N, C-alpha and C. Protein backbone atom coordinates (compact mmCIF):
# COMPACT_ATOMS: atom_id res chain seq x y z
N MET A 1 12.31 1.25 -1.86
CA MET A 1 12.11 1.87 -3.14
C MET A 1 10.99 2.90 -3.08
N HIS A 2 9.87 2.58 -2.44
CA HIS A 2 8.78 3.53 -2.37
C HIS A 2 9.15 4.77 -1.56
N ARG A 3 9.96 4.60 -0.56
CA ARG A 3 10.30 5.75 0.29
C ARG A 3 11.34 6.66 -0.36
N ASN A 4 12.17 6.10 -1.22
CA ASN A 4 13.23 6.89 -1.88
C ASN A 4 13.28 6.58 -3.38
N PRO A 5 12.19 6.89 -4.10
CA PRO A 5 12.18 6.56 -5.52
C PRO A 5 13.09 7.51 -6.32
N ALA A 6 13.51 7.06 -7.48
CA ALA A 6 14.30 7.91 -8.36
C ALA A 6 13.44 9.09 -8.80
N ALA A 7 14.04 10.26 -8.91
CA ALA A 7 13.31 11.48 -9.23
C ALA A 7 12.57 11.38 -10.56
N GLU A 8 13.13 10.66 -11.53
CA GLU A 8 12.51 10.56 -12.85
C GLU A 8 11.49 9.43 -12.96
N SER A 9 11.26 8.72 -11.88
CA SER A 9 10.36 7.58 -11.89
C SER A 9 8.92 8.01 -12.18
N THR A 10 8.22 7.17 -12.91
CA THR A 10 6.80 7.40 -13.17
C THR A 10 5.95 6.40 -12.40
N ALA A 11 6.55 5.71 -11.45
CA ALA A 11 5.82 4.73 -10.64
C ALA A 11 4.73 5.42 -9.82
N PHE A 12 3.70 4.67 -9.51
CA PHE A 12 2.56 5.20 -8.76
C PHE A 12 3.01 5.91 -7.49
N ALA A 13 3.89 5.29 -6.72
CA ALA A 13 4.33 5.86 -5.45
C ALA A 13 5.02 7.20 -5.64
N THR A 14 5.74 7.37 -6.73
CA THR A 14 6.43 8.64 -7.00
C THR A 14 5.44 9.71 -7.44
N VAL A 15 4.58 9.37 -8.37
CA VAL A 15 3.62 10.33 -8.91
C VAL A 15 2.66 10.83 -7.84
N TYR A 16 2.18 9.93 -6.99
CA TYR A 16 1.17 10.29 -5.99
C TYR A 16 1.74 10.50 -4.59
N HIS A 17 3.06 10.46 -4.46
CA HIS A 17 3.74 10.72 -3.18
C HIS A 17 3.24 9.83 -2.06
N THR A 18 3.04 8.56 -2.36
CA THR A 18 2.61 7.62 -1.33
C THR A 18 3.83 7.10 -0.59
N VAL A 19 3.83 7.25 0.71
CA VAL A 19 4.99 6.82 1.50
C VAL A 19 4.60 6.00 2.72
N ALA A 20 3.30 5.84 2.97
CA ALA A 20 2.88 5.11 4.16
C ALA A 20 1.86 4.03 3.80
N LEU A 21 2.01 2.88 4.41
CA LEU A 21 1.04 1.81 4.28
C LEU A 21 0.09 1.94 5.46
N VAL A 22 -1.17 2.30 5.19
CA VAL A 22 -2.12 2.51 6.28
C VAL A 22 -3.21 1.45 6.34
N TYR A 23 -3.25 0.57 5.32
CA TYR A 23 -4.27 -0.48 5.29
C TYR A 23 -3.77 -1.61 4.41
N TYR A 24 -4.10 -2.82 4.79
CA TYR A 24 -3.79 -3.97 3.94
C TYR A 24 -4.74 -5.11 4.29
N GLU A 25 -4.88 -6.01 3.37
CA GLU A 25 -5.61 -7.25 3.59
C GLU A 25 -4.76 -8.37 3.02
N ALA A 26 -4.75 -9.51 3.66
CA ALA A 26 -3.98 -10.66 3.20
C ALA A 26 -4.95 -11.73 2.68
N PHE A 27 -4.55 -12.35 1.57
CA PHE A 27 -5.37 -13.39 0.95
C PHE A 27 -4.50 -14.58 0.59
N ASP A 28 -5.08 -15.76 0.62
CA ASP A 28 -4.39 -16.97 0.21
C ASP A 28 -4.53 -17.21 -1.29
N CYS A 29 -5.53 -16.62 -1.89
CA CYS A 29 -5.84 -16.85 -3.30
C CYS A 29 -5.75 -15.53 -4.07
N ILE A 30 -4.94 -15.50 -5.12
CA ILE A 30 -4.75 -14.28 -5.90
C ILE A 30 -6.05 -13.82 -6.55
N ASP A 31 -6.90 -14.75 -6.97
CA ASP A 31 -8.17 -14.37 -7.61
C ASP A 31 -9.07 -13.60 -6.64
N ILE A 32 -9.11 -14.03 -5.40
CA ILE A 32 -9.92 -13.34 -4.39
C ILE A 32 -9.31 -11.97 -4.10
N ALA A 33 -7.99 -11.90 -4.03
CA ALA A 33 -7.32 -10.61 -3.78
C ALA A 33 -7.60 -9.62 -4.90
N ILE A 34 -7.54 -10.06 -6.13
CA ILE A 34 -7.81 -9.18 -7.27
C ILE A 34 -9.27 -8.72 -7.26
N ALA A 35 -10.18 -9.62 -6.95
CA ALA A 35 -11.60 -9.26 -6.87
C ALA A 35 -11.82 -8.21 -5.78
N ARG A 36 -11.16 -8.38 -4.65
CA ARG A 36 -11.31 -7.41 -3.55
C ARG A 36 -10.72 -6.06 -3.94
N GLU A 37 -9.58 -6.06 -4.62
CA GLU A 37 -8.97 -4.80 -5.05
C GLU A 37 -9.92 -4.06 -6.01
N LYS A 38 -10.52 -4.78 -6.93
CA LYS A 38 -11.46 -4.16 -7.86
C LYS A 38 -12.67 -3.59 -7.12
N GLN A 39 -13.12 -4.33 -6.11
CA GLN A 39 -14.25 -3.85 -5.31
C GLN A 39 -13.89 -2.54 -4.61
N LEU A 40 -12.73 -2.51 -3.97
CA LEU A 40 -12.31 -1.30 -3.25
C LEU A 40 -12.10 -0.12 -4.19
N LYS A 41 -11.58 -0.38 -5.37
CA LYS A 41 -11.36 0.70 -6.33
C LYS A 41 -12.67 1.36 -6.75
N GLY A 42 -13.76 0.62 -6.67
CA GLY A 42 -15.06 1.16 -7.03
C GLY A 42 -15.71 2.00 -5.94
N TRP A 43 -15.15 1.96 -4.75
CA TRP A 43 -15.72 2.71 -3.63
C TRP A 43 -15.34 4.18 -3.69
N ARG A 44 -16.18 5.00 -3.09
CA ARG A 44 -15.86 6.43 -2.93
C ARG A 44 -14.81 6.58 -1.83
N ARG A 45 -14.08 7.69 -1.86
CA ARG A 45 -13.00 7.95 -0.91
C ARG A 45 -13.49 7.88 0.53
N ALA A 46 -14.67 8.41 0.83
CA ALA A 46 -15.18 8.42 2.21
C ALA A 46 -15.34 7.00 2.75
N LYS A 47 -15.81 6.09 1.91
CA LYS A 47 -15.99 4.70 2.34
C LYS A 47 -14.63 4.03 2.56
N LYS A 48 -13.65 4.34 1.71
CA LYS A 48 -12.29 3.81 1.89
C LYS A 48 -11.68 4.35 3.18
N ASN A 49 -11.86 5.64 3.43
CA ASN A 49 -11.32 6.25 4.65
C ASN A 49 -11.93 5.61 5.89
N ALA A 50 -13.22 5.30 5.84
CA ALA A 50 -13.88 4.66 6.98
C ALA A 50 -13.31 3.25 7.20
N LEU A 51 -13.05 2.53 6.12
CA LEU A 51 -12.46 1.20 6.22
C LEU A 51 -11.08 1.28 6.88
N ILE A 52 -10.27 2.23 6.44
CA ILE A 52 -8.94 2.42 7.01
C ILE A 52 -9.04 2.80 8.49
N SER A 53 -9.89 3.76 8.79
CA SER A 53 -10.03 4.22 10.17
C SER A 53 -10.49 3.11 11.11
N ASN A 54 -11.30 2.20 10.61
CA ASN A 54 -11.77 1.09 11.42
C ASN A 54 -10.63 0.16 11.80
N MET A 55 -9.68 -0.05 10.90
CA MET A 55 -8.56 -0.94 11.16
C MET A 55 -7.39 -0.20 11.82
N ASN A 56 -7.19 1.05 11.43
CA ASN A 56 -6.00 1.80 11.82
C ASN A 56 -6.44 3.24 12.13
N SER A 57 -7.06 3.43 13.28
CA SER A 57 -7.68 4.71 13.60
C SER A 57 -6.71 5.89 13.63
N LEU A 58 -5.45 5.64 13.89
CA LEU A 58 -4.46 6.72 13.92
C LEU A 58 -3.73 6.88 12.58
N TRP A 59 -4.08 6.08 11.62
CA TRP A 59 -3.47 6.11 10.29
C TRP A 59 -1.95 5.99 10.40
N GLU A 60 -1.51 5.09 11.26
CA GLU A 60 -0.07 4.86 11.43
C GLU A 60 0.48 4.09 10.24
N ASP A 61 1.76 4.27 9.96
CA ASP A 61 2.43 3.56 8.88
C ASP A 61 2.64 2.11 9.31
N LEU A 62 1.94 1.20 8.68
CA LEU A 62 2.00 -0.21 9.04
C LEU A 62 3.17 -0.93 8.38
N SER A 63 3.85 -0.28 7.46
CA SER A 63 4.96 -0.94 6.77
C SER A 63 6.10 -1.28 7.72
N VAL A 64 6.21 -0.57 8.82
CA VAL A 64 7.25 -0.84 9.81
C VAL A 64 7.13 -2.29 10.29
N LYS A 65 5.92 -2.77 10.35
CA LYS A 65 5.65 -4.14 10.78
C LYS A 65 6.31 -5.16 9.84
N PHE A 66 6.47 -4.80 8.58
CA PHE A 66 6.99 -5.73 7.58
C PHE A 66 8.45 -5.51 7.22
N GLU A 67 9.03 -4.37 7.56
CA GLU A 67 10.37 -4.02 7.09
C GLU A 67 11.42 -5.07 7.41
N ARG A 68 11.36 -5.67 8.56
CA ARG A 68 12.36 -6.68 8.91
C ARG A 68 12.17 -7.97 8.11
N ALA A 69 10.96 -8.22 7.65
CA ALA A 69 10.69 -9.44 6.90
C ALA A 69 11.10 -9.32 5.44
N TRP A 70 11.16 -8.09 4.91
CA TRP A 70 11.49 -7.90 3.50
C TRP A 70 12.99 -7.86 3.31
N PRO A 71 13.50 -8.56 2.32
CA PRO A 71 14.94 -8.50 2.05
C PRO A 71 15.31 -7.15 1.44
N VAL A 72 16.49 -6.68 1.75
CA VAL A 72 16.98 -5.45 1.15
C VAL A 72 17.48 -5.76 -0.24
N VAL A 73 16.97 -5.05 -1.23
CA VAL A 73 17.38 -5.29 -2.60
C VAL A 73 18.18 -4.10 -3.08
N GLU A 74 19.39 -4.36 -3.50
CA GLU A 74 20.24 -3.30 -4.02
C GLU A 74 19.76 -2.90 -5.41
N ASN A 75 20.27 -1.78 -5.91
CA ASN A 75 19.91 -1.31 -7.23
C ASN A 75 20.13 -2.43 -8.25
N MET A 76 19.12 -2.78 -8.98
CA MET A 76 19.20 -3.93 -9.89
C MET A 76 19.59 -3.53 -11.32
N GLU A 77 20.04 -2.32 -11.52
CA GLU A 77 20.43 -1.89 -12.87
C GLU A 77 21.78 -2.41 -13.25
């Protein structure tokens, strides 16, 4: 869906043309994940870029790692 969104979509991925997953963190607890997301949102872009570069120096699309694990969902309309 993110790679081929509907043209009229107002979803974040469509509006901001995001097509690559370059960083992620996994959490067992949703409360900790939400707290971390809020923390990262407060950071300046340079600090976020440094975090990404530390984990993924080539800024490769990491979603390929997950594509086989995700089920294919047909249009749900």
